[in-house]
Amino acid sequence: MKDDQVARVHERLAARPELCPVAFGEGRRFGLWDLASLTEGALGECVDPVSLTVSSEKRWRVRLGSDGREHRRDGDFRRRYWIRSPGSRNGSGPVGTIAVDTWPVGVGAVRVTSLYVHPVARRQGVASAALDMVYDACRAEGLRGFRLDTHWTWQPTVRYYLGRRLWVTSWKHALGFAQLSDLPAYAVREGEGGEVTFLVACADGESIPLLVAGNDGGRLRLRETEQYRRMRDERDAVRVYARATLALHLAVRGRPLVRGEEEWTKAHWSCDIGEPEGLAYKIGVFERVARDSGWRVESPYTVMSMRQDGV
């Protein structure tokens, strides 16, 4: 049943004038846009996918190593779309790309990949509109929403997803984000003294604080509110994802993620999702792997890499 729902999601997406399914024979062209996205994210080099030649493509793929390999046979696993600018005609060229899997992940969600907007079309809401279309199509077919991944070292992308208030749902192999119908809207507010408060919206329109984070002599001070402690078991996902989402908001601000020696010794227990020390541990891993792969690493939280050897 869920596969049928995803199929209908794609029918809705293909009917949108802002999206155009990638036609037979356009796979290589789409791959060049994927390559431009990878080159910018991993190496910090802005490449025009339209201007890539065979020789320049090869140079970038060689420089990216195994990460730059072209994947041509993925049509059975996801549907790829060109993103058109609002009001564009059929003859107009694309301004971006997005792909959506053909089967659900988890409990009733779809995975989004290959989200990329050409530099000349950025800051016009193109990516946000595409994600909204995916979410609306999922909800119209009874699915919960979407999930997507990105890399910690791709800081502009990480900050974009946090700015959209996507929830952080994993950090096992990369940073996992989601917009799901059962996860409420949230806000992150920084107050006097540098304290950061994580709030969620209620049905009555009010926002309630769940977690408050501060800096205590270079260590993280994390306080649970009464509302957080009173949450029922069925809201356990909100409790877990609230901690993870706040932790990432703190990390991009360069704020501490380690509370103390005892918590740090247990960091590996939450290296997939959960406690802030788990994210601190994984960021150190992410940065080391990125450096070993020749990726650009510009971390706002330089202490992270030293956490591997202890606090």
Protein backbone atom coordinates (compact mmCIF):
# COMPACT_ATOMS: atom_id res chain seq x y z
CA MET A 1 0.00 0.00 0.00
CA LYS A 2 2.76 2.43 0.90
CA ASP A 3 4.48 1.81 -2.47
CA ASP A 4 1.21 2.74 -4.19
CA GLN A 5 1.07 5.91 -2.11
CA VAL A 6 4.60 6.84 -3.20
CA ALA A 7 3.64 6.18 -6.83
CA ARG A 8 0.78 8.63 -6.46
CA VAL A 9 3.14 11.13 -4.85
CA HIS A 10 5.20 11.01 -8.03
CA GLU A 11 2.10 11.48 -10.14
CA ARG A 12 1.40 14.66 -8.22
CA LEU A 13 4.97 15.88 -8.57
CA ALA A 14 5.10 15.16 -12.30
CA ALA A 15 1.91 17.20 -12.76
CA ARG A 16 3.46 20.30 -11.20
CA PRO A 17 4.53 22.92 -13.79
CA GLU A 18 7.56 23.77 -11.64
CA LEU A 19 8.88 20.21 -11.95
CA CYS A 20 9.76 18.25 -15.07
CA PRO A 21 10.60 14.52 -14.90
CA VAL A 22 14.02 13.69 -16.28
CA ALA A 23 13.42 12.10 -19.65
CA PHE A 24 15.09 9.04 -21.14
CA GLY A 25 18.54 10.05 -22.36
CA GLU A 26 18.91 12.92 -19.89
CA GLY A 27 20.58 10.85 -17.20
CA ARG A 28 24.10 12.03 -17.98
CA ARG A 29 22.99 15.66 -18.05
CA PHE A 30 21.35 15.23 -14.65
CA GLY A 31 24.58 13.61 -13.44
CA LEU A 32 26.52 16.75 -14.33
CA TRP A 33 24.24 18.79 -12.06
CA ASP A 34 24.82 16.22 -9.32
CA LEU A 35 28.56 16.60 -9.93
CA ALA A 36 28.31 20.39 -9.61
CA SER A 37 26.49 19.97 -6.30
CA LEU A 38 29.10 17.55 -4.98
CA THR A 39 32.00 19.72 -6.13
CA GLU A 40 30.60 22.78 -4.41
CA GLY A 41 29.68 20.98 -1.22
CA ALA A 42 32.80 18.87 -0.82
CA LEU A 43 35.47 21.12 -2.30
CA GLY A 44 33.96 24.58 -2.04
CA GLU A 45 34.34 25.07 -5.80
CA CYS A 46 31.36 26.56 -7.66
CA VAL A 47 31.00 24.82 -11.03
CA ASP A 48 28.47 25.64 -13.75
CA PRO A 49 26.91 22.28 -14.73
CA VAL A 50 25.85 23.71 -18.09
CA SER A 51 29.45 24.58 -18.99
CA LEU A 52 31.05 21.29 -17.98
CA THR A 53 32.94 19.58 -20.78
CA VAL A 54 34.04 15.96 -20.99
CA SER A 55 37.57 16.89 -19.95
CA SER A 56 36.53 19.19 -17.09
CA GLU A 57 34.05 16.59 -15.85
CA LYS A 58 36.82 14.00 -15.76
CA ARG A 59 39.13 16.36 -13.83
CA TRP A 60 36.51 16.98 -11.16
CA ARG A 61 35.62 13.30 -10.85
CA VAL A 62 39.28 12.36 -10.48
CA ARG A 63 39.75 15.03 -7.84
CA LEU A 64 36.71 13.77 -5.93
CA GLY A 65 37.91 10.18 -6.08
CA SER A 66 35.40 7.48 -5.22
CA ASP A 67 32.88 10.14 -4.19
CA GLY A 68 32.87 11.47 -7.75
CA ARG A 69 31.82 8.25 -9.44
CA GLU A 70 28.86 8.58 -11.78
CA HIS A 71 25.81 6.48 -10.88
CA ARG A 72 23.73 5.89 -13.99
CA ARG A 73 21.44 3.03 -13.01
CA ASP A 74 19.28 4.49 -10.29
CA GLY A 75 16.04 5.05 -12.20
CA ASP A 76 14.33 2.13 -10.46
CA PHE A 77 15.11 3.50 -7.02
CA ARG A 78 14.21 7.16 -7.40
CA ARG A 79 12.50 9.57 -9.76
CA ARG A 80 14.52 12.59 -10.85
CA TYR A 81 13.10 16.01 -11.68
CA TRP A 82 14.33 19.24 -13.18
CA ILE A 83 13.23 22.28 -11.24
CA ARG A 84 11.94 25.15 -13.33
CA SER A 85 11.79 28.74 -12.19
CA PRO A 86 8.28 30.01 -11.33
CA GLY A 87 6.46 31.17 -14.44
CA SER A 88 9.01 29.68 -16.84
CA ARG A 89 7.92 28.21 -20.16
CA ASN A 90 8.46 24.64 -21.28
CA GLY A 91 11.40 25.70 -23.43
CA SER A 92 13.21 27.34 -20.54
CA GLY A 93 16.18 25.55 -19.08
CA PRO A 94 16.14 24.11 -15.56
CA VAL A 95 17.32 26.05 -12.53
CA GLY A 96 17.79 23.05 -10.26
CA THR A 97 17.33 19.37 -9.56
CA ILE A 98 15.60 17.15 -7.03
CA ALA A 99 15.04 13.39 -6.75
CA VAL A 100 12.56 11.41 -4.66
CA ASP A 101 12.78 7.70 -3.86
CA THR A 102 10.20 5.29 -5.25
CA TRP A 103 9.52 3.54 -1.94
CA PRO A 104 8.99 4.78 1.62
CA VAL A 105 11.59 4.88 4.36
CA GLY A 106 10.82 4.42 8.02
CA VAL A 107 7.14 4.71 8.82
CA GLY A 108 5.50 6.45 5.89
CA ALA A 109 8.07 8.96 4.64
CA VAL A 110 10.03 9.36 1.40
CA ARG A 111 13.70 10.20 0.96
CA VAL A 112 14.80 13.26 -0.99
CA THR A 113 18.19 13.47 -2.73
CA SER A 114 19.96 15.56 -5.41
CA LEU A 115 18.48 18.87 -4.23
CA TYR A 116 20.52 21.50 -6.02
CA VAL A 117 19.85 25.01 -7.31
CA HIS A 118 22.01 26.73 -9.92
CA PRO A 119 23.89 29.70 -8.39
CA VAL A 120 22.11 32.23 -10.63
CA ALA A 121 18.71 31.12 -9.28
CA ARG A 122 19.50 31.07 -5.57
CA ARG A 123 17.86 33.18 -2.86
CA GLN A 124 14.60 33.08 -4.78
CA GLY A 125 12.90 30.33 -2.77
CA VAL A 126 13.43 27.67 -5.46
CA ALA A 127 14.68 24.92 -3.12
CA SER A 128 12.09 25.72 -0.46
CA ALA A 129 9.29 25.57 -3.01
CA ALA A 130 10.50 22.18 -4.26
CA LEU A 131 10.62 20.75 -0.73
CA ASP A 132 7.17 22.16 -0.01
CA MET A 133 5.85 20.42 -3.12
CA VAL A 134 7.27 17.09 -1.95
CA TYR A 135 5.85 17.51 1.54
CA ASP A 136 2.41 18.56 0.28
CA ALA A 137 2.29 15.63 -2.15
CA CYS A 138 3.21 13.21 0.65
CA ARG A 139 0.56 14.55 2.98
CA ALA A 140 -2.07 14.47 0.22
CA GLU A 141 -1.39 10.73 -0.18
CA GLY A 142 -1.40 9.93 3.52
CA LEU A 143 2.36 9.83 4.05
CA ARG A 144 4.10 11.66 6.88
CA GLY A 145 6.58 13.73 4.89
CA PHE A 146 10.19 13.46 3.78
CA ARG A 147 13.70 12.77 5.02
CA LEU A 148 17.04 13.84 3.57
CA ASP A 149 20.73 13.71 4.46
CA THR A 150 23.65 16.07 4.15
CA HIS A 151 27.24 16.28 5.36
CA TRP A 152 28.36 18.24 8.43
CA THR A 153 31.18 19.83 6.44
CA TRP A 154 28.69 21.23 3.91
CA GLN A 155 27.97 24.10 6.30
CA PRO A 156 25.83 26.31 3.99
CA THR A 157 23.53 23.34 3.35
CA VAL A 158 23.35 22.42 7.04
CA ARG A 159 22.45 25.98 7.95
CA TYR A 160 19.84 26.12 5.20
CA TYR A 161 18.02 23.04 6.52
CA LEU A 162 18.17 24.35 10.07
CA GLY A 163 16.83 27.66 8.82
CA ARG A 164 13.87 25.78 7.35
CA ARG A 165 13.36 24.29 10.81
CA LEU A 166 13.78 20.70 9.70
CA TRP A 167 14.20 18.28 12.60
CA VAL A 168 17.48 16.43 13.10
CA THR A 169 16.64 12.73 13.17
CA SER A 170 20.01 10.98 12.85
CA TRP A 171 23.75 11.41 12.55
CA LYS A 172 24.83 7.82 11.91
CA HIS A 173 26.57 8.20 8.53
CA ALA A 174 25.64 11.81 7.81
CA LEU A 175 23.28 14.40 9.26
CA GLY A 176 19.68 13.29 8.79
CA PHE A 177 16.89 15.85 8.57
CA ALA A 178 13.12 15.42 8.31
CA GLN A 179 9.86 17.26 7.92
CA LEU A 180 7.17 14.95 9.25
CA SER A 181 3.54 15.63 10.06
CA ASP A 182 3.83 14.30 13.63
CA LEU A 183 6.78 16.57 14.47
CA PRO A 184 5.49 20.03 15.38
CA ALA A 185 6.93 23.32 14.21
CA TYR A 186 9.74 24.51 16.45
CA ALA A 187 11.72 27.64 17.20
CA VAL A 188 15.18 28.31 18.61
CA ARG A 189 15.58 31.55 20.53
CA GLU A 190 18.72 33.08 21.97
CA GLY A 191 18.14 35.20 25.05
CA GLU A 192 20.07 37.29 27.48
CA GLY A 193 23.26 35.75 28.75
CA GLY A 194 23.55 33.64 25.60
CA GLU A 195 21.06 30.97 26.68
CA VAL A 196 19.43 29.15 23.78
CA THR A 197 15.86 27.87 24.21
CA PHE A 198 14.21 25.17 22.09
CA LEU A 199 10.42 25.58 21.79
CA VAL A 200 7.69 23.62 20.00
CA ALA A 201 4.31 24.81 18.78
CA CYS A 202 1.11 23.50 20.36
CA ALA A 203 -2.31 22.99 18.79
CA ASP A 204 -3.58 26.21 20.36
CA GLY A 205 -0.86 28.23 18.63
CA GLU A 206 1.22 28.73 21.76
CA SER A 207 4.88 27.72 21.92
CA ILE A 208 6.22 25.85 24.92
CA PRO A 209 9.91 25.66 25.89
CA LEU A 210 11.37 22.16 26.14
CA LEU A 211 15.12 22.63 26.56
CA VAL A 212 17.39 25.48 27.61
CA ALA A 213 21.12 25.41 26.82
CA GLY A 214 23.87 27.63 28.16
CA ASN A 215 27.64 27.83 28.42
CA ASP A 216 29.13 26.88 31.78
CA GLY A 217 32.85 27.54 31.72
CA GLY A 218 33.32 26.09 28.24
CA ARG A 219 31.02 23.14 28.93
CA LEU A 220 27.41 22.67 27.89
CA ARG A 221 24.73 23.37 30.48
CA LEU A 222 21.49 21.69 29.40
CA ARG A 223 18.27 22.10 31.36
CA GLU A 224 15.02 20.21 30.75
CA THR A 225 11.83 22.19 31.36
CA GLU A 226 8.86 20.85 33.28
CA GLN A 227 6.94 20.55 29.99
CA TYR A 228 9.70 18.37 28.56
CA ARG A 229 9.69 16.06 31.56
CA ARG A 230 5.90 15.74 31.46
CA MET A 231 5.74 14.65 27.83
CA ARG A 232 3.90 11.40 27.35
CA ASP A 233 5.51 8.27 25.94
CA GLU A 234 3.85 8.72 22.55
CA ARG A 235 5.80 11.97 22.12
CA ASP A 236 9.11 10.21 22.73
CA ALA A 237 10.27 11.00 19.18
CA VAL A 238 9.85 14.70 19.92
CA ARG A 239 11.88 14.32 23.12
CA VAL A 240 14.76 12.59 21.33
CA TYR A 241 14.74 14.74 18.22
CA ALA A 242 14.46 17.92 20.29
CA ARG A 243 17.78 17.16 21.97
CA ALA A 244 19.41 16.28 18.67
CA THR A 245 18.03 19.31 16.84
CA LEU A 246 19.06 21.73 19.57
CA ALA A 247 22.53 20.12 19.65
CA LEU A 248 23.04 20.83 15.95
CA HIS A 249 21.78 24.41 16.33
CA LEU A 250 24.38 24.85 19.06
CA ALA A 251 27.12 23.24 16.96
CA VAL A 252 26.72 25.61 14.01
CA ARG A 253 26.97 28.46 16.53
CA GLY A 254 30.27 27.03 17.79
CA ARG A 255 28.75 26.38 21.22
CA PRO A 256 29.84 23.57 23.59
CA LEU A 257 28.23 20.18 23.18
CA VAL A 258 29.96 18.35 26.04
CA ARG A 259 28.60 18.63 29.58
CA GLY A 260 31.42 16.90 31.42
CA GLU A 261 33.78 13.97 31.75
CA GLU A 262 31.09 11.46 32.66
CA GLU A 263 28.84 12.38 29.72
CA TRP A 264 31.77 12.35 27.31
CA THR A 265 32.76 8.79 28.26
CA LYS A 266 29.27 7.73 27.09
CA ALA A 267 29.38 9.72 23.84
CA HIS A 268 29.59 6.59 21.67
CA TRP A 269 26.26 5.39 23.12
CA SER A 270 24.47 8.14 21.20
CA CYS A 271 26.65 8.32 18.10
CA ASP A 272 23.62 7.56 15.87
CA ILE A 273 21.16 10.02 17.47
CA GLY A 274 20.34 11.38 20.91
CA GLU A 275 22.59 13.17 23.37
CA PRO A 276 24.69 16.21 22.38
CA GLU A 277 27.93 14.41 23.25
CA GLY A 278 27.05 11.85 20.56
CA LEU A 279 26.93 14.63 17.99
CA ALA A 280 30.22 16.06 19.28
CA TYR A 281 31.81 12.65 18.83
CA LYS A 282 30.38 12.16 15.32
CA ILE A 283 31.39 15.64 14.14
CA GLY A 284 34.96 14.74 15.01
CA VAL A 285 34.58 11.59 12.90
CA PHE A 286 32.89 13.47 10.05
CA GLU A 287 35.68 16.05 9.92
CA ARG A 288 38.45 13.45 10.00
CA VAL A 289 36.86 11.42 7.20
CA ALA A 290 36.32 14.58 5.13
CA ARG A 291 39.98 15.58 5.48
CA ASP A 292 41.11 12.09 4.54
CA SER A 293 38.94 12.36 1.40
CA GLY A 294 40.45 15.70 0.45
CA TRP A 295 37.27 17.62 1.22
CA ARG A 296 37.28 21.19 2.43
CA VAL A 297 36.67 21.40 6.18
CA GLU A 298 35.66 24.76 7.63
CA SER A 299 34.18 23.88 10.99
CA PRO A 300 32.59 26.48 13.27
CA TYR A 301 33.34 24.14 16.16
CA THR A 302 37.07 23.51 15.94
CA VAL A 303 37.19 21.93 19.40
CA MET A 304 35.27 18.97 18.00
CA SER A 305 38.27 17.37 16.34
CA MET A 306 40.15 17.38 19.63
CA ARG A 307 37.30 15.66 21.48
CA GLN A 308 38.37 12.37 19.93
CA ASP A 309 41.22 12.21 22.45
CA GLY A 310 39.09 13.23 25.43
CA VAL A 311 37.68 16.39 27.00
